Protein backbone atom coordinates (compact mmCIF):
# COMPACT_ATOMS: atom_id res chain seq x y z
CA GLY A 1 11.18 37.21 -37.41
CA GLY A 2 12.14 34.38 -39.77
CA LEU A 3 14.89 32.87 -37.69
CA ALA A 4 12.98 33.54 -34.61
CA ALA A 5 9.56 31.73 -35.61
CA TRP A 6 11.27 28.75 -36.66
CA VAL A 7 13.33 28.35 -33.82
CA VAL A 8 9.69 28.83 -31.68
CA SER A 9 8.34 26.53 -34.17
CA GLN A 10 10.75 23.76 -33.58
CA ARG A 11 10.52 23.91 -29.29
CA ALA A 12 6.91 24.33 -29.69
CA SER A 13 6.58 21.08 -31.79
CA GLY A 14 9.00 19.18 -29.97
CA ALA A 15 6.97 20.53 -26.63
CA ASN A 16 3.63 19.31 -28.21
CA ASP A 17 5.13 16.21 -29.57
CA VAL A 18 6.33 15.50 -25.56
CA VAL A 19 2.42 16.11 -24.53
CA GLY A 20 0.80 14.67 -27.41
CA THR A 21 2.05 12.22 -28.74
CA SER A 22 5.22 10.78 -27.09
CA GLU A 23 4.61 11.15 -23.72
CA PRO A 24 1.25 9.19 -24.31
CA LEU A 25 2.71 6.51 -26.26
CA SER A 26 5.43 5.71 -23.92
CA LEU A 27 3.08 5.86 -20.74
CA ASP A 28 1.05 3.14 -23.39
CA GLY A 29 4.05 0.84 -23.92
CA GLN A 30 4.63 1.13 -20.04
CA GLN A 31 1.07 0.35 -18.83
CA ILE A 32 0.97 -2.34 -21.31
CA TYR A 33 3.89 -3.79 -20.07
CA ARG A 34 3.37 -3.93 -16.30
CA ALA A 35 -0.81 -4.53 -16.87
CA LEU A 36 0.76 -8.09 -18.72
CA SER A 37 3.04 -8.54 -15.87
CA ASP A 38 0.53 -8.36 -13.34
CA ALA A 39 -1.89 -10.74 -15.29
CA ASP A 40 0.32 -13.44 -15.50
CA ALA A 41 1.54 -13.03 -11.58
CA THR A 42 -2.13 -12.51 -10.71
CA ALA A 43 -3.26 -15.98 -12.71
CA ALA A 44 0.04 -17.90 -11.05
CA SER A 45 -1.33 -16.70 -7.70
CA ALA A 46 -5.21 -17.23 -8.57
CA PHE A 47 -4.24 -20.71 -9.57
CA LEU A 48 -2.84 -21.37 -6.21
CA SER A 49 -5.82 -21.37 -4.52
CA GLY A 50 -7.14 -24.53 -6.19
CA GLY A 51 -10.52 -24.67 -7.45
CA LEU A 52 -12.52 -22.26 -7.52
CA GLU A 53 -10.19 -18.78 -7.54
CA PRO A 54 -11.00 -15.98 -5.34
CA LEU A 55 -13.03 -13.35 -6.49
CA ALA A 56 -10.64 -10.30 -6.11
CA ALA A 57 -7.94 -12.51 -7.99
CA ARG A 58 -10.23 -13.07 -11.12
CA ARG A 59 -11.08 -9.25 -11.07
CA ARG A 60 -7.93 -8.25 -11.02
CA TYR A 61 -6.64 -10.28 -14.02
CA GLN A 62 -9.48 -9.25 -15.94
CA ALA A 63 -8.55 -5.66 -15.26
CA ASP A 64 -5.36 -6.13 -15.80
CA ILE A 65 -6.13 -7.95 -19.19
CA ALA A 66 -8.76 -4.73 -20.23
CA GLN A 67 -6.12 -2.77 -19.44
CA ALA A 68 -3.54 -3.94 -21.22
CA ALA A 69 -6.17 -3.81 -24.42
CA SER A 70 -7.11 -0.79 -23.70
CA HIS A 71 -3.87 0.79 -24.22
CA LEU A 72 -2.62 -1.42 -26.73
CA GLU A 73 -5.33 -0.09 -29.03
CA SER A 74 -4.97 3.82 -28.11
CA ALA A 75 -0.98 2.78 -28.62
CA THR A 76 -1.54 1.24 -32.21
CA ALA A 77 -3.51 4.56 -33.34
CA ALA A 78 -0.33 6.27 -31.95
CA ALA A 79 2.06 4.84 -33.49
CA GLY A 80 1.36 4.54 -36.89
CA HIS A 81 3.99 3.19 -39.13
CA SER A 82 6.55 3.63 -36.69
CA PRO A 83 9.42 0.67 -35.43
CA ALA A 84 7.05 -0.02 -32.38
CA ALA A 85 3.88 -0.93 -34.71
CA ARG A 86 5.31 -4.60 -35.37
CA ASP A 87 5.64 -4.81 -31.96
CA LEU A 88 2.35 -3.81 -31.24
CA ALA A 89 1.19 -6.07 -34.11
CA THR A 90 2.63 -8.87 -31.83
CA LEU A 91 0.64 -8.27 -28.91
CA SER A 92 -2.49 -7.71 -30.64
CA ALA A 93 -2.14 -11.36 -32.28
CA GLY A 94 -1.14 -13.36 -29.01
CA LEU A 95 -3.01 -11.80 -26.41
CA PRO A 96 -6.35 -13.86 -27.23
CA VAL A 97 -3.72 -16.94 -27.27
CA TYR A 98 -2.44 -16.09 -23.78
CA THR A 99 -5.86 -15.29 -22.46
CA GLY A 100 -7.20 -18.62 -24.04
CA GLU A 101 -4.47 -20.58 -22.51
CA VAL A 102 -5.33 -19.44 -19.01
CA GLU A 103 -9.00 -20.01 -19.36
CA THR A 104 -8.34 -23.69 -20.54
CA ALA A 105 -5.74 -23.86 -17.65
CA ARG A 106 -8.19 -22.31 -14.98
CA ALA A 107 -11.19 -24.67 -16.16
CA ASP A 108 -8.89 -27.79 -15.54
CA ASN A 109 -8.41 -26.46 -12.16
CA ARG A 110 -11.52 -26.31 -11.18
CA LEU A 111 -12.47 -29.92 -12.45
CA GLY A 112 -9.08 -30.89 -10.64
CA LEU A 113 -7.06 -31.92 -13.60
CA PRO A 114 -3.24 -31.56 -13.48
CA LEU A 115 -3.21 -30.76 -17.10
CA GLY A 116 -4.47 -27.28 -16.18
CA ALA A 117 -1.21 -26.59 -14.53
CA ALA A 118 0.57 -27.50 -18.02
CA TYR A 119 -1.62 -24.62 -20.00
CA LEU A 120 -0.95 -22.37 -17.16
CA ARG A 121 2.84 -22.65 -17.74
CA GLU A 122 2.79 -22.54 -21.44
CA ALA A 123 0.36 -19.30 -20.87
CA SER A 124 3.41 -18.07 -18.84
CA SER A 125 5.76 -19.07 -21.65
CA LEU A 126 3.75 -17.34 -23.86
CA MET A 127 3.54 -14.29 -21.95
CA ARG A 128 7.67 -14.16 -20.99
CA GLY A 129 8.85 -14.94 -24.30
CA THR A 130 7.04 -13.51 -26.72
CA LEU A 131 4.53 -10.66 -25.18
CA LEU A 132 6.71 -9.16 -22.45
CA PRO A 133 9.59 -8.94 -25.10
CA ALA A 134 7.11 -7.03 -27.64
CA ALA A 135 5.59 -4.71 -24.74
CA ARG A 136 9.09 -3.84 -23.74
CA ASN A 137 10.36 -3.00 -26.94
CA VAL A 138 7.43 -0.97 -27.53
CA SER A 139 8.14 1.05 -23.88
CA ALA A 140 12.18 1.26 -25.09
CA GLN A 141 10.85 3.11 -28.66
CA ALA A 142 8.50 5.59 -27.06
CA ASN A 143 11.11 6.47 -24.28
CA GLY A 144 13.56 6.96 -27.28
CA GLN A 145 11.13 9.29 -28.90
CA LEU A 146 10.02 11.17 -26.04
CA SER A 147 14.08 12.05 -25.08
CA ALA A 148 14.07 13.32 -28.65
CA ALA A 149 10.80 15.44 -28.46
CA SER A 150 11.92 16.77 -25.10
CA GLY A 151 15.79 17.60 -26.68
CA ARG A 152 13.94 19.23 -29.32
CA ALA A 153 12.11 21.57 -26.76
CA THR A 154 14.77 22.22 -24.25
CA GLY A 155 17.92 22.60 -26.71
CA LEU A 156 20.32 25.17 -26.37
CA PRO A 157 22.13 25.63 -29.93
CA LEU A 158 19.17 26.96 -31.65
CA ALA A 159 18.30 29.41 -28.64
CA LEU A 160 21.79 30.78 -28.82
CA VAL A 161 21.70 31.22 -32.58
CA LEU A 162 18.69 33.29 -31.92
CA LEU A 163 19.78 35.26 -29.35
CA ALA A 164 23.23 36.39 -31.14
CA ALA A 165 20.94 37.53 -34.91
CA ALA A 166 18.82 39.39 -31.58
CA ALA A 167 21.55 40.92 -30.98
CA ILE A 168 23.07 41.64 -34.46
CA VAL A 169 20.25 43.50 -35.21
CA GLY A 170 20.05 45.16 -31.72
CA TYR A 171 23.48 47.21 -32.85
CA VAL A 172 22.27 47.41 -36.35
CA LEU A 173 19.36 49.78 -35.03
CA TYR A 174 21.43 51.38 -32.48
CA ARG A 175 23.98 52.08 -34.52
CA ALA A 176 21.46 53.70 -37.27
CA GLN A 177 20.33 56.28 -34.37
CA ARG A 178 23.40 57.22 -33.69
CA TRP A 179 24.45 58.12 -37.14
CA LEU A 180 21.02 60.09 -37.28
CA LEU A 181 21.73 61.66 -34.55
CA ARG A 182 25.40 62.50 -35.80
CA ARG A 183 24.13 63.78 -39.36
CA THR A 184 20.51 65.22 -38.68
CA ASN A 185 20.90 66.84 -35.06
CA ARG A 186 17.89 65.19 -34.41
CA ARG A 187 17.59 63.37 -31.03
CA LEU A 188 14.86 60.88 -31.63
CA ASN A 189 13.70 59.26 -35.03
CA PRO A 190 10.08 57.99 -34.27
CA GLY A 191 10.15 55.07 -36.66
CA LEU A 192 13.58 53.50 -35.48
CA MET A 193 12.34 53.81 -32.03
CA VAL A 194 9.17 51.81 -32.50
CA ALA A 195 11.39 49.42 -34.11
CA SER A 196 13.49 49.25 -31.10
CA VAL A 197 10.86 48.95 -29.13
CA ALA A 198 9.30 46.12 -30.71
CA ALA A 199 12.53 44.64 -30.51
CA VAL A 200 13.23 44.84 -27.21
CA VAL A 201 9.02 43.48 -26.37
CA SER A 202 10.37 40.81 -29.09
CA LEU A 203 13.42 39.14 -27.50
CA LEU A 204 12.24 39.90 -23.83
CA TRP A 205 8.92 37.69 -24.65
CA LEU A 206 11.29 34.98 -26.72
CA ALA A 207 13.92 34.87 -23.17
CA VAL A 208 10.77 34.57 -21.01
CA ALA A 209 9.02 31.86 -22.87
CA PHE A 210 12.18 29.93 -23.40
CA THR A 211 13.24 29.73 -20.11
CA VAL A 212 9.89 29.12 -18.69
CA ALA A 213 9.53 26.40 -21.36
CA ARG A 214 12.82 24.73 -20.42
CA THR A 215 12.75 25.32 -16.79
CA ASP A 216 8.79 23.18 -16.89
CA LEU A 217 9.99 20.45 -19.57
CA LEU A 218 13.36 19.71 -17.72
CA GLN A 219 11.59 19.30 -14.13
CA ALA A 220 9.04 17.21 -16.41
CA ARG A 221 11.69 14.93 -17.29
CA ASP A 222 13.86 14.85 -14.24
CA HIS A 223 10.97 14.71 -11.89
CA GLY A 224 8.16 13.09 -13.77
CA SER A 225 8.79 10.92 -17.05
CA ALA A 226 12.81 9.43 -15.46
CA PRO A 227 11.81 8.44 -12.59
CA VAL A 228 8.29 6.75 -13.64
CA ALA A 229 10.54 5.02 -16.29
CA ALA A 230 12.69 3.41 -13.13
CA LEU A 231 10.20 3.01 -11.11
CA ALA A 232 8.09 0.99 -14.21
CA GLN A 233 11.33 -1.07 -14.32
CA ALA A 234 11.21 -1.96 -10.81
CA ASN A 235 7.33 -2.65 -10.07
CA ILE A 236 7.58 -4.98 -13.18
CA ALA A 237 10.54 -7.01 -12.36
CA ALA A 238 8.81 -7.18 -9.07
CA LEU A 239 5.67 -8.73 -10.90
CA GLN A 240 7.82 -11.39 -12.41
CA ALA A 241 9.05 -12.36 -9.61
CA ARG A 242 5.80 -12.98 -8.01
CA ALA A 243 5.23 -14.75 -10.93
CA ASP A 244 8.26 -17.04 -10.29
CA GLU A 245 7.30 -17.67 -6.78
CA SER A 246 3.49 -18.82 -7.51
CA LEU A 247 4.88 -20.73 -10.40
CA THR A 248 7.58 -22.72 -8.22
CA LEU A 249 4.71 -23.76 -6.02
CA ILE A 250 2.50 -24.89 -8.88
CA ASP A 251 4.68 -27.11 -10.11
CA ALA A 252 5.18 -28.63 -6.84
CA GLY A 253 8.96 -29.97 -7.63
CA GLY A 254 10.73 -28.07 -4.94
CA ASP A 255 13.20 -25.33 -6.44
CA ASP A 256 13.26 -25.58 -10.44
CA SER A 257 13.50 -23.41 -13.31
CA PHE A 258 10.99 -20.49 -11.79
CA GLN A 259 13.00 -20.46 -8.50
CA ALA A 260 16.41 -19.55 -10.23
CA ASP A 261 14.46 -17.26 -12.10
CA PHE A 262 13.31 -15.92 -8.98
CA LYS A 263 16.55 -15.24 -7.44
CA ALA A 264 17.78 -13.64 -10.84
CA VAL A 265 15.40 -11.14 -10.65
CA GLN A 266 15.91 -10.21 -7.34
CA HIS A 267 19.50 -9.76 -7.80
CA ARG A 268 18.70 -7.54 -10.49
CA LEU A 269 15.57 -5.80 -8.52
CA GLY A 270 17.58 -5.53 -5.29
CA PRO A 271 18.00 -3.12 -3.01
CA GLY A 272 21.75 -2.78 -3.84
CA PRO A 273 24.29 -0.71 -6.06
CA GLY A 274 23.37 -0.30 -9.29
CA THR A 275 20.36 -2.35 -8.82
CA LEU A 276 16.67 -1.66 -10.45
CA LEU A 277 14.89 -0.68 -6.78
CA THR A 278 18.24 1.56 -5.81
CA ASN A 279 18.64 3.31 -9.40
CA ALA A 280 14.21 3.86 -9.01
CA VAL A 281 14.79 5.72 -5.08
CA THR A 282 17.91 7.74 -6.57
CA ALA A 283 16.25 9.35 -9.65
CA ALA A 284 12.42 9.33 -7.89
CA ARG A 285 14.39 11.95 -4.71
CA GLY A 286 13.51 14.84 -4.59
CA SER A 287 10.09 13.92 -6.39
CA PRO A 288 6.60 13.40 -5.30
CA GLY A 289 7.34 9.69 -5.60
CA ALA A 290 10.11 9.79 -3.02
CA GLY A 291 8.89 8.38 -0.03
CA SER A 292 6.84 6.03 -1.76
CA ALA A 293 9.77 4.13 -3.89
CA ALA A 294 12.15 4.30 -0.31
CA ALA A 295 9.27 2.20 1.19
CA ALA A 296 9.16 0.01 -1.73
CA ALA A 297 13.09 -0.86 -1.22
CA THR A 298 12.68 -1.53 2.18
CA THR A 299 9.39 -3.52 2.20
CA ALA A 300 11.44 -5.69 -0.64
CA THR A 301 14.02 -6.85 1.67
CA ALA A 302 11.14 -8.21 4.19
CA TRP A 303 9.58 -10.02 1.24
CA TYR A 304 13.00 -11.95 0.34
CA ALA A 305 12.75 -13.21 3.58
CA ALA A 306 9.24 -14.25 3.84
CA HIS A 307 10.07 -15.75 0.50
CA ARG A 308 12.79 -17.83 1.58
CA THR A 309 10.14 -19.02 4.67
CA VAL A 310 7.94 -20.25 1.80
CA ARG A 311 11.09 -22.37 0.24
CA SER A 312 11.72 -23.77 3.28
CA LEU A 313 8.43 -25.37 4.08
CA ASP A 314 7.66 -26.62 0.21
CA ASP A 315 11.11 -28.32 0.53
CA ASN A 316 10.14 -29.93 3.79
CA GLY A 317 7.43 -31.11 2.67
CA LYS A 318 4.88 -28.57 4.00
CA HIS A 319 3.53 -27.67 0.25
CA THR A 320 0.21 -26.66 2.05
CA GLN A 321 1.67 -24.06 4.79
CA ALA A 322 3.91 -22.96 1.71
CA VAL A 323 0.79 -22.20 -0.53
CA LYS A 324 -1.07 -20.29 2.55
CA LEU A 325 1.69 -17.71 3.22
CA VAL A 326 1.28 -17.06 -1.14
CA THR A 327 -2.19 -16.90 -1.21
CA THR A 328 -3.87 -15.55 2.42
CA PRO A 329 -3.61 -12.13 3.64
CA GLY A 330 -1.52 -12.04 7.27
CA PRO A 331 1.22 -10.24 8.93
CA GLY A 332 4.53 -11.50 7.61
CA HIS A 333 3.29 -13.46 4.43
CA SER A 334 4.88 -13.09 1.21
CA GLY A 335 1.64 -12.00 -0.54
CA THR A 336 0.67 -9.54 1.53
CA LEU A 337 4.15 -8.02 1.84
CA PHE A 338 4.05 -8.14 -2.08
CA ALA A 339 0.49 -6.55 -2.27
CA HIS A 340 2.90 -3.60 0.30
CA LEU A 341 5.82 -3.95 -2.42
CA ASP A 342 3.66 -3.56 -5.67
CA GLY A 343 1.25 -0.85 -3.84
CA ALA A 344 4.28 1.58 -2.69
CA LEU A 345 6.00 1.38 -6.65
CA THR A 346 2.41 2.10 -8.15
CA GLY A 347 1.97 4.71 -5.68
CA ALA A 348 5.01 6.41 -6.79
CA ILE A 349 4.16 6.09 -10.26
CA ALA A 350 1.04 8.12 -10.14
CA ALA A 351 2.56 10.80 -7.99
CA ASP A 352 5.45 11.18 -10.38
CA GLN A 353 3.14 11.02 -13.63
CA GLY A 354 1.33 13.76 -12.04
CA VAL A 355 4.33 15.86 -11.66
CA PHE A 356 5.67 15.21 -15.41
CA GLN A 357 2.12 16.03 -17.07
CA SER A 358 1.28 19.21 -15.12
CA ASN A 359 5.05 20.63 -15.88
CA ALA A 360 4.91 19.38 -19.68
CA VAL A 361 1.74 20.86 -20.07
CA ALA A 362 2.87 24.06 -18.52
CA GLY A 363 6.08 24.00 -20.51
CA ARG A 364 4.24 23.70 -23.86
CA ASP A 365 1.90 26.36 -23.03
CA ALA A 366 4.69 28.74 -22.50
CA PHE A 367 4.90 29.11 -26.40
CA THR A 368 1.27 29.77 -26.92
CA GLY A 369 0.94 32.85 -29.43
CA LEU A 370 5.27 33.35 -29.34
CA GLU A 371 5.53 31.91 -33.35
CA VAL A 372 2.81 34.57 -34.32
CA GLY A 373 3.62 37.27 -32.16
CA VAL A 374 7.54 37.15 -33.48
CA ILE A 375 6.64 37.56 -36.84
CA VAL A 376 3.91 40.82 -36.09
CA LEU A 377 6.83 42.35 -34.07
CA SER A 378 9.52 41.76 -36.94
CA LEU A 379 6.72 43.29 -39.39
CA VAL A 380 6.27 46.26 -36.94
CA MET A 381 10.02 46.56 -37.22
CA ALA A 382 10.63 46.45 -40.64
CA ALA A 383 7.59 48.92 -40.69
CA GLY A 384 8.86 51.71 -37.99
CA CYS A 385 12.86 51.26 -40.06
CA PHE A 386 11.10 51.91 -43.40
CA ARG A 387 9.20 54.89 -42.03
CA GLY A 388 12.18 56.33 -39.76
CA LEU A 389 14.32 56.09 -42.89
CA SER A 390 11.83 57.55 -45.57
CA THR A 391 11.39 60.52 -43.37
CA ARG A 392 15.03 61.45 -43.73
CA LEU A 393 15.57 60.64 -47.29
CA ALA A 394 12.94 62.48 -48.57
CA GLU A 395 13.98 65.83 -46.62
CA TYR A 396 16.88 65.44 -49.71
CA ARG A 397 13.92 65.50 -52.30
């Protein structure tokens, strides 16, 4: 009973951490990373419009900053004194600086001052050099905690030890009753029978709870958190490439460091063997987000073709037409295709996040009452053994 209660406590603690601590912190880290990346891409795209930026872009940027701040607050509360605390402090200190530089760039842009582009590049440099690496660290550390908690909740070694102990106890009960049958010619010992029934009930309850919890938690990992993490990495890389596309046009100097970065991100994003999009499609296979992930991979190829058109126009002196392809909606436009790519990835993430939440909660709930139950049943077993043996011993007095 003590061993069973300890094993159940370890597993239930891991399942509770998955649902209540590790998964929310992991989600906060991913959402901070994505919101900041989207804010950077949106700010750059809005800047291209010149003067008063589109209202939709402004609202999207503000929503990204608000979302990042909200998740930053909840992540800081959940992280406590963990290794993520330092990176969260960096984000808390740097986010107001970034938004201040974006607002300065926006004000200068509305006045037609070229200095606005310099402020926007400075803001983007702060985002890429400081804020996004810190957000990436928070997300990676949270994912590590989530994997550790899931391992505690689904690991087999402790369950096998418990199964061996249950087999030993069952064998001893069986041998004791066989011995009494031969020595006393009584076919039934009520006390030992009660102990045996309690042992069977306890073992069945443990087996069912462990099997259900392990199945649900592995489902939550394989079709929830794992594809979500892969899809989030692809989405963040796509947002970075989108910001590079806009910043290259803002510089108006042809192919520069931002265009070189776009090509590097494109090579990393894919699709193609070992790329982020291909890995995301593989991870999402069999999950609700599989269709959207496949659509994102197809759309990415079309977006790259539209980007090449943008660069061709810009490099041949047609800067205004290039900007139009990036900032205005239309069939085959870079901005429209990127919106489809971003929408497909975020839709896949949302679908698989729902799978994780439902299965993780079900896995945690499988342990409800089990710890107390095995302790009570072990006491029933002890009381039954005591009653059954003391009755026989009393006959010798």
